Structures are given as structure tokens and as C-alpha cells.
Protein backbone atom coordinates (compact mmCIF):
# COMPACT_ATOMS: atom_id res chain seq x y z
CA MET A 1 199.25 56.00 90.03
CA SER A 2 202.83 57.36 90.01
CA LEU A 3 203.55 60.94 88.85
CA ASP A 4 206.90 62.36 87.73
CA LEU A 5 207.87 65.90 88.69
CA GLY A 6 206.98 67.43 85.29
CA THR A 7 203.51 65.94 85.30
CA LEU A 8 202.89 67.16 88.84
CA VAL A 9 203.99 70.71 87.99
CA ALA A 10 201.76 70.74 84.90
CA TYR A 11 198.82 69.52 86.98
CA ILE A 12 199.36 72.19 89.62
CA GLU A 13 199.65 74.92 86.98
CA ALA A 14 196.43 73.75 85.30
CA ASP A 15 194.63 73.66 88.62
CA ASP A 16 195.98 77.10 89.49
CA SER A 17 194.72 78.43 86.17
CA GLN A 18 191.26 77.05 86.86
CA TYR A 19 191.37 78.62 90.34
CA ASN A 20 192.30 81.99 88.87
CA ARG A 21 189.46 81.82 86.34
CA THR A 22 187.03 80.98 89.14
CA LEU A 23 188.38 83.85 91.21
CA ASP A 24 188.07 86.24 88.27
CA ARG A 25 184.46 85.19 87.73
CA ALA A 26 183.72 85.67 91.44
CA GLU A 27 185.32 89.11 91.41
CA GLY A 28 183.33 89.99 88.29
CA ARG A 29 180.10 88.92 89.96
CA GLN A 30 181.00 90.90 93.07
CA SER A 31 181.75 93.96 90.94
CA ARG A 32 178.44 93.64 89.08
CA PHE A 33 176.60 93.09 92.37
CA GLY A 34 178.24 96.20 93.84
CA ALA A 35 177.30 98.24 90.77
CA ALA A 36 173.74 96.95 90.94
CA MET A 37 173.55 97.83 94.63
CA ARG A 38 174.85 101.34 93.96
CA THR A 39 172.33 101.80 91.15
CA GLY A 40 169.54 100.47 93.35
CA LEU A 41 170.48 102.79 96.17
CA LYS A 42 170.57 105.75 93.78
CA VAL A 43 167.12 104.85 92.43
CA ALA A 44 165.75 104.34 95.95
CA GLY A 45 167.32 107.58 97.10
CA GLY A 46 165.88 109.42 94.12
CA ALA A 47 162.45 107.93 94.75
CA PHE A 48 162.65 108.92 98.41
CA LEU A 49 163.60 112.48 97.50
CA THR A 50 160.75 112.60 94.97
CA VAL A 51 158.22 111.39 97.55
CA ALA A 52 159.63 113.74 100.20
CA GLY A 53 159.47 116.65 97.76
CA ALA A 54 155.87 115.84 96.82
CA ALA A 55 154.89 115.52 100.49
CA GLY A 56 156.57 118.84 101.26
CA ALA A 57 154.80 120.54 98.36
CA LEU A 58 151.47 119.09 99.53
CA GLY A 59 152.17 120.37 103.03
CA VAL A 60 152.90 123.89 101.77
CA LYS A 61 149.81 123.84 99.54
CA THR A 62 147.58 122.62 102.38
CA ALA A 63 149.05 125.10 104.87
CA ALA A 64 148.49 127.94 102.38
CA ALA A 65 144.88 126.82 101.82
CA ASN A 66 144.32 126.61 105.59
CA GLU A 67 145.70 130.12 106.01
CA GLN A 68 143.36 131.46 103.33
CA ALA A 69 140.41 129.61 104.87
CA GLU A 70 141.17 131.05 108.30
CA ILE A 71 141.25 134.58 106.87
CA SER A 72 137.95 133.99 105.04
CA PHE A 73 136.14 132.41 108.01
CA THR A 74 137.51 135.07 110.37
CA THR A 75 135.76 137.66 108.20
CA MET A 76 132.51 135.67 108.13
CA LEU A 77 132.49 134.65 111.82
CA GLY A 78 133.83 137.87 113.30
CA SER A 79 137.00 136.64 115.01
CA ALA A 80 140.04 134.42 114.50
CA LYS A 81 139.05 132.40 117.57
CA ASN A 82 135.62 131.58 116.12
CA ALA A 83 137.18 130.74 112.77
CA GLN A 84 139.76 128.40 114.29
CA SER A 85 137.12 126.66 116.41
CA PHE A 86 134.81 126.15 113.44
CA LEU A 87 137.59 124.92 111.14
CA THR A 88 138.71 122.43 113.80
CA ASP A 89 135.15 121.07 114.03
CA LEU A 90 134.93 120.97 110.24
CA SER A 91 138.24 119.08 110.03
CA ASP A 92 136.97 116.50 112.54
CA PHE A 93 133.77 116.21 110.48
CA ALA A 94 135.75 115.76 107.25
CA ALA A 95 137.70 112.87 108.78
CA LYS A 96 134.42 110.96 109.18
CA THR A 97 133.17 111.59 105.65
CA PRO A 98 134.13 110.44 102.14
CA PHE A 99 134.57 114.09 101.16
CA ALA A 100 137.78 116.11 100.96
CA PHE A 101 138.32 118.86 103.54
CA PRO A 102 138.74 121.67 100.94
CA GLU A 103 135.39 120.72 99.38
CA LEU A 104 133.69 120.94 102.76
CA GLN A 105 135.37 124.29 103.47
CA THR A 106 133.89 125.68 100.25
CA ALA A 107 130.44 124.27 100.99
CA ALA A 108 130.47 125.58 104.56
CA GLY A 109 131.62 129.00 103.39
CA SER A 110 128.72 129.14 100.91
CA LEU A 111 126.21 128.64 103.74
CA ILE A 112 127.82 130.93 106.31
CA SER A 113 128.24 133.72 103.75
CA VAL A 114 124.45 134.14 103.51
CA GLY A 115 123.91 134.31 107.26
CA ILE A 116 123.32 130.69 108.22
CA ASP A 117 124.43 130.15 111.83
CA ALA A 118 127.78 128.35 111.94
CA LYS A 119 126.37 125.97 114.57
CA LYS A 120 123.79 124.76 112.03
CA VAL A 121 126.21 124.27 109.16
CA ILE A 122 127.67 120.86 110.07
CA PRO A 123 124.24 119.32 110.89
CA ILE A 124 122.93 120.62 107.54
CA MET A 125 125.97 119.30 105.70
CA THR A 126 125.65 115.95 107.47
CA ASN A 127 122.12 115.50 106.13
CA LEU A 128 123.10 116.76 102.68
CA GLY A 129 126.06 114.35 102.68
CA ASN A 130 123.90 111.40 103.74
CA ALA A 131 121.32 112.14 101.04
CA THR A 132 123.86 112.65 98.25
CA SER A 133 125.72 109.51 99.34
CA GLY A 134 122.47 107.58 99.08
CA MET A 135 121.58 109.07 95.69
CA GLY A 136 125.06 108.62 94.24
CA THR A 137 125.87 112.29 93.62
CA GLY A 138 128.48 112.46 96.41
CA SER A 139 130.68 115.51 96.88
CA GLU A 140 129.48 117.09 93.62
CA GLY A 141 125.93 116.80 94.93
CA VAL A 142 126.88 118.54 98.19
CA LYS A 143 128.54 121.32 96.21
CA ARG A 144 125.50 121.86 93.98
CA ALA A 145 123.09 121.65 96.91
CA THR A 146 124.96 124.25 98.96
CA VAL A 147 125.09 126.60 95.96
CA ALA A 148 121.30 126.26 95.60
CA LEU A 149 120.79 126.89 99.33
CA GLN A 150 123.11 129.89 99.12
CA GLN A 151 121.00 131.32 96.28
CA MET A 152 117.74 130.71 98.18
CA ASN A 153 118.94 132.33 101.38
CA ALA A 154 120.45 135.29 99.53
CA ALA A 155 117.13 135.88 97.74
CA GLY A 156 114.97 135.12 100.79
CA LYS A 157 112.69 132.85 98.76
CA ILE A 158 112.59 129.53 96.91
CA SER A 159 112.36 129.44 93.13
CA MET A 160 111.52 126.51 90.90
CA GLU A 161 115.08 126.64 89.58
CA ASP A 162 116.45 126.29 93.12
CA LEU A 163 114.23 123.29 93.82
CA ASN A 164 115.25 121.59 90.59
CA GLN A 165 118.90 122.27 91.35
CA LEU A 166 118.52 120.61 94.76
CA ARG A 167 116.64 117.71 93.21
CA ASP A 168 119.35 117.18 90.59
CA ALA A 169 121.97 117.28 93.36
CA GLY A 170 120.28 114.25 94.93
CA ILE A 171 118.10 115.94 97.56
CA PRO A 172 114.43 114.79 97.54
CA VAL A 173 113.48 118.41 98.08
CA TYR A 174 109.87 118.31 96.84
CA ASP A 175 108.96 115.55 99.29
CA LEU A 176 111.00 117.26 102.00
CA LEU A 177 109.34 120.64 101.52
CA ALA A 178 105.88 119.09 101.21
CA ALA A 179 106.33 117.35 104.58
CA ALA A 180 107.78 120.49 106.18
CA THR A 181 104.95 122.77 105.02
CA GLY A 182 102.05 120.32 105.24
CA LYS A 183 101.30 120.72 101.53
CA SER A 184 101.27 118.21 98.69
CA VAL A 185 104.15 117.88 96.27
CA GLN A 186 101.92 119.28 93.52
CA GLN A 187 101.04 122.31 95.64
CA VAL A 188 104.72 122.94 96.39
CA ALA A 189 105.56 122.79 92.68
CA GLU A 190 102.71 125.18 91.80
CA LEU A 191 103.72 127.68 94.51
CA ALA A 192 107.36 127.53 93.39
CA ASN A 193 106.35 128.06 89.77
CA LYS A 194 104.37 131.16 90.78
CA GLY A 195 107.22 132.46 92.96
CA LYS A 196 105.13 132.16 96.12
CA LEU A 197 107.50 130.12 98.28
CA GLY A 198 108.87 132.85 100.50
CA ARG A 199 110.94 133.27 103.62
CA GLU A 200 108.57 131.20 105.79
CA GLU A 201 108.82 128.14 103.54
CA LEU A 202 112.56 128.68 103.23
CA GLY A 203 112.88 128.62 107.02
CA GLN A 204 110.86 125.40 107.16
CA LEU A 205 113.10 123.81 104.52
CA MET A 206 116.29 124.84 106.33
CA SER A 207 114.93 123.47 109.64
CA ALA A 208 114.19 120.13 107.94
CA LEU A 209 117.69 120.01 106.47
CA GLU A 210 119.19 120.75 109.88
CA SER A 211 117.14 118.17 111.79
CA GLY A 212 117.08 115.52 109.06
CA LYS A 213 113.31 115.18 109.35
CA GLY A 214 112.14 113.54 106.15
CA LEU A 215 115.63 112.28 105.35
CA GLU A 216 115.73 109.44 107.88
CA ARG A 217 116.17 106.76 105.22
CA PHE A 218 119.54 108.26 104.32
CA ALA A 219 120.90 108.32 107.88
CA GLY A 220 124.41 106.88 108.21
CA LEU A 221 125.03 106.48 104.47
CA MET A 222 127.84 109.02 104.42
CA ASP A 223 129.68 107.00 107.08
CA LYS A 224 129.27 103.84 104.99
CA GLN A 225 130.62 105.64 101.93
CA SER A 226 133.62 106.80 103.97
CA GLN A 227 134.57 103.11 104.42
CA SER A 228 134.64 102.54 100.66
CA LEU A 229 137.92 102.58 98.73
CA SER A 230 137.35 106.08 97.34
CA GLY A 231 136.23 107.33 100.74
CA MET A 232 139.28 105.90 102.49
CA TRP A 233 141.56 107.32 99.79
CA SER A 234 140.02 110.78 100.34
CA THR A 235 140.56 110.45 104.10
CA LEU A 236 144.17 109.34 103.57
CA GLN A 237 144.87 112.35 101.34
CA ASP A 238 143.37 114.70 103.94
CA THR A 239 145.36 113.05 106.73
CA ILE A 240 148.65 113.33 104.84
CA GLY A 241 147.92 116.89 103.74
CA MET A 242 146.96 118.12 107.20
CA GLY A 243 149.88 116.27 108.80
CA MET A 244 152.40 117.79 106.41
CA ALA A 245 150.78 121.21 106.83
CA LYS A 246 151.50 121.05 110.57
CA VAL A 247 155.12 120.21 109.78
CA VAL A 248 155.64 123.17 107.45
CA GLU A 249 153.54 125.74 109.36
CA PRO A 250 156.53 126.92 111.47
CA LEU A 251 158.43 127.47 108.20
CA LEU A 252 155.76 129.64 106.55
CA PRO A 253 157.38 132.96 107.60
CA LEU A 254 160.66 131.86 105.99
CA ILE A 255 158.85 130.62 102.88
CA LYS A 256 157.00 133.94 102.58
CA GLN A 257 160.25 135.83 103.05
CA GLY A 258 161.87 133.77 100.31
CA LEU A 259 158.93 134.31 97.97
CA GLY A 260 159.05 138.04 98.67
CA GLY A 261 162.71 138.10 97.68
CA ALA A 262 161.96 136.10 94.54
CA ILE A 263 159.18 138.50 93.55
CA GLU A 264 161.49 141.49 94.01
CA PHE A 265 164.22 139.81 91.95
CA VAL A 266 161.87 138.92 89.09
CA THR A 267 160.25 142.38 89.16
CA ALA A 268 163.69 143.99 88.87
CA ALA A 269 164.94 141.51 86.26
CA ILE A 270 162.05 141.85 83.80
CA PRO A 271 162.74 145.49 82.75
CA ALA A 272 166.46 144.75 82.49
CA SER A 273 165.81 141.85 80.11
CA ARG A 274 163.85 143.97 77.63
CA PRO A 275 165.72 145.13 74.52
CA ALA A 276 166.75 148.79 74.56
């Protein structure tokens, strides 16, 4: 087909116009893509800062709790060295359980505060944890059981209320105490009701809880629970918290200094803000 000059020019101009429209569309897409990328990076950056801030806050909170625990256990155990050693053992124990470290700190403190030897605490808590894991009362059961044991040891005797509290926490305490004392369950209940389970029976109960005698059917259940979803989640939270606490520990003096300055500022500012 032959083309005159005018037709050829018109064809080229039309083609050029189509090219320009294509180029404009490409540039528009590139611009939108760039904007989307910038928005995505801002969102990702914001999310990262949010996560980092939450992790930092968790680290400070955990470090502060660890500091308070060390002060408390130093008082109960007589020295900072003993406290640090015990808390290290307790942390290792917590990593193998479905229970959170702060919960175990509270439970351990309840036992040590009434004179139970620190060396016996983790074995006792192991058997309590196995039993409550088997009975489905979990960490709440351990908490309630240690409160009951604290009450018993503070009073130097076992009341019916204490036994029922242990039973409700998931500890088969009537069977356990019957086996430990050589009496029947009915005799144990009658003696408890009359207030005649004294220091001797209390010692026998504590020995059974330490050795696990009478609780053999629950052995290893706490470890199995630690492999459940909730148990693994608890372990992950402890791991993150303790890891972040180690990161922020060197910064605690600066954080305290900053808080001290903030307290002074607020204390001075409050009177000045009151109307004359």
C-alpha cells in the first residue's frame, strides 16, 4: 500500500499520541506503586516501633519485678547470694512448667515465708504442679494450695478448712494424709474436725508433698502440660520477658534517675497549678 506524506505524518502523530498515553499510564502506575510502597514502609515501621516499644516496656516491667523479688528473697533467705541462687533455680524450674515465673515466685515466697527450707520448695512445688495439672486446676490450684500450706505452717496445725482448701485446689489431701499417718480417711477427717491434727501430722504431710509419696499417678503431668499450646505460650512469654529484662538491666540506674527527676518535677508542679 502506498502512503503520501500527509497520511504518513498523521499516522506517526497518532502513534506518538498512543505512546504518550501509554507512558502516562505507566508513570501513573509507578507513582501509585511508589506511594503504596511508602505507605507500606510507614505502616511496617510503625508496627516495628510498636512491637519494640511493647518489648521494651515488658523488659522494664520484668526487670523491676525481678529486682523486687530479689529484695524480698534476700530478706527471707538471709543474703543476696542465696536469693540469686534460689531465683536462678526457680527460673530454670519455671522454664520446664506451664506456669508463669511470677506466679511461681509468689508461691515459693508463700512457703519460704513460714520457714519451709528453700531446698524443699521446688520439690514441693513440683508435686503440687503435677497434681494440679492432673486435676485441671493448674496455676490457680498451685496458688491456692500454697496459701493453704502457708496457713497450716504458720498455725503449726491442720484445720478442716485447710484440708478442704487443698482438696479444692486439686490436691487429694485426705488420701495423702491418711497414707502418711497410717490412718483412714474418715479418721483424718474426724481429727481435723476436732482440731487434733497438729505439728506431727503437718510434718508428715509436708514430707509426703516433698517426696511425692502418694502422688505417683500424677508424676510427669506438669511436663506434659508444658507442651500444650497454653503451656508453650506461657514459656514463650517468660522467655521474652526475661530476655528483655537482661537487655534493660544495665539501663535501670538511668531509668531510676529519670523517674526521680520526673517525680521531683511533678511534686513541684502540683502546688504551682493550684488556684491562688
